[in-house]
Amino acid sequence: MTSYEGTLASVVSGDV
């Protein structure tokens, strides 16, 4: 997983 994908996952999960 790229850092970009990781960021998207965080946004979708609602992490801040």
PDB file of N, CA and C in Angstrom:
ATOM      1  N   MET A   1       0.849  -1.205   0.000  1.00  0.00           N
ATOM      2  CA  MET A   1       0.000   0.000   0.000  1.00  0.00           C
ATOM      3  C   MET A   1       0.879   1.247   0.000  1.00  0.00           C
ATOM      4  N   THR A   2       0.536   2.182  -0.866  1.00  0.00           N
ATOM      5  CA  THR A   2       1.306   3.423  -0.928  1.00  0.00           C
ATOM      6  C   THR A   2       0.826   4.387   0.149  1.00  0.00           C
ATOM      7  N   SER A   3       1.627   5.391   0.428  1.00  0.00           N
ATOM      8  CA  SER A   3       1.236   6.390   1.429  1.00  0.00           C
ATOM      9  C   SER A   3      -0.046   7.087   0.989  1.00  0.00           C
ATOM     10  N   TYR A   4      -0.205   7.231  -0.343  1.00  0.00           N
ATOM     11  CA  TYR A   4      -1.416   7.865  -0.878  1.00  0.00           C
ATOM     12  C   TYR A   4      -2.647   7.025  -0.543  1.00  0.00           C
ATOM     13  N   GLU A   5      -2.545   5.729  -0.762  1.00  0.00           N
ATOM     14  CA  GLU A   5      -3.650   4.829  -0.447  1.00  0.00           C
ATOM     15  C   GLU A   5      -3.921   4.822   1.057  1.00  0.00           C
ATOM     16  N   GLY A   6      -2.852   4.872   1.828  1.00  0.00           N
ATOM     17  CA  GLY A   6      -3.001   4.897   3.281  1.00  0.00           C
ATOM     18  C   GLY A   6      -3.747   6.137   3.729  1.00  0.00           C
ATOM     19  N   THR A   7      -3.457   7.261   3.059  1.00  0.00           N
ATOM     20  CA  THR A   7      -4.149   8.512   3.395  1.00  0.00           C
ATOM     21  C   THR A   7      -5.628   8.400   3.073  1.00  0.00           C
ATOM     22  N   LEU A   8      -5.951   7.844   1.912  1.00  0.00           N
ATOM     23  CA  LEU A   8      -7.348   7.679   1.528  1.00  0.00           C
ATOM     24  C   LEU A   8      -8.069   6.790   2.532  1.00  0.00           C
ATOM     25  N   ALA A   9      -7.423   5.728   2.972  1.00  0.00           N
ATOM     26  CA  ALA A   9      -8.015   4.812   3.933  1.00  0.00           C
ATOM     27  C   ALA A   9      -8.317   5.540   5.234  1.00  0.00           C
ATOM     28  N   SER A  10      -7.405   6.423   5.645  1.00  0.00           N
ATOM     29  CA  SER A  10      -7.597   7.176   6.881  1.00  0.00           C
ATOM     30  C   SER A  10      -8.793   8.113   6.758  1.00  0.00           C
ATOM     31  N   VAL A  11      -8.919   8.758   5.600  1.00  0.00           N
ATOM     32  CA  VAL A  11     -10.029   9.683   5.378  1.00  0.00           C
ATOM     33  C   VAL A  11     -11.353   8.932   5.392  1.00  0.00           C
ATOM     34  N   VAL A  12     -11.394   7.791   4.710  1.00  0.00           N
ATOM     35  CA  VAL A  12     -12.616   7.004   4.630  1.00  0.00           C
ATOM     36  C   VAL A  12     -12.994   6.476   6.011  1.00  0.00           C
ATOM     37  N   SER A  13     -11.979   6.118   6.808  1.00  0.00           N
ATOM     38  CA  SER A  13     -12.227   5.576   8.134  1.00  0.00           C
ATOM     39  C   SER A  13     -12.642   6.679   9.107  1.00  0.00           C
ATOM     40  N   GLY A  14     -12.374   7.931   8.732  1.00  0.00           N
ATOM     41  CA  GLY A  14     -12.745   9.050   9.589  1.00  0.00           C
ATOM     42  C   GLY A  14     -11.655   9.387  10.588  1.00  0.00           C
ATOM     43  N   ASP A  15     -10.443   8.834  10.372  1.00  0.00           N
ATOM     44  CA  ASP A  15      -9.334   9.144  11.270  1.00  0.00           C
ATOM     45  C   ASP A  15      -8.869  10.578  11.049  1.00  0.00           C
ATOM     46  N   VAL A  16      -8.386  11.184  12.095  1.00  0.00           N
ATOM     47  CA  VAL A  16      -7.899  12.558  11.962  1.00  0.00           C
ATOM     48  C   VAL A  16      -6.459  12.659  12.445  1.00  0.00           C
TER      49      VAL A  16
END
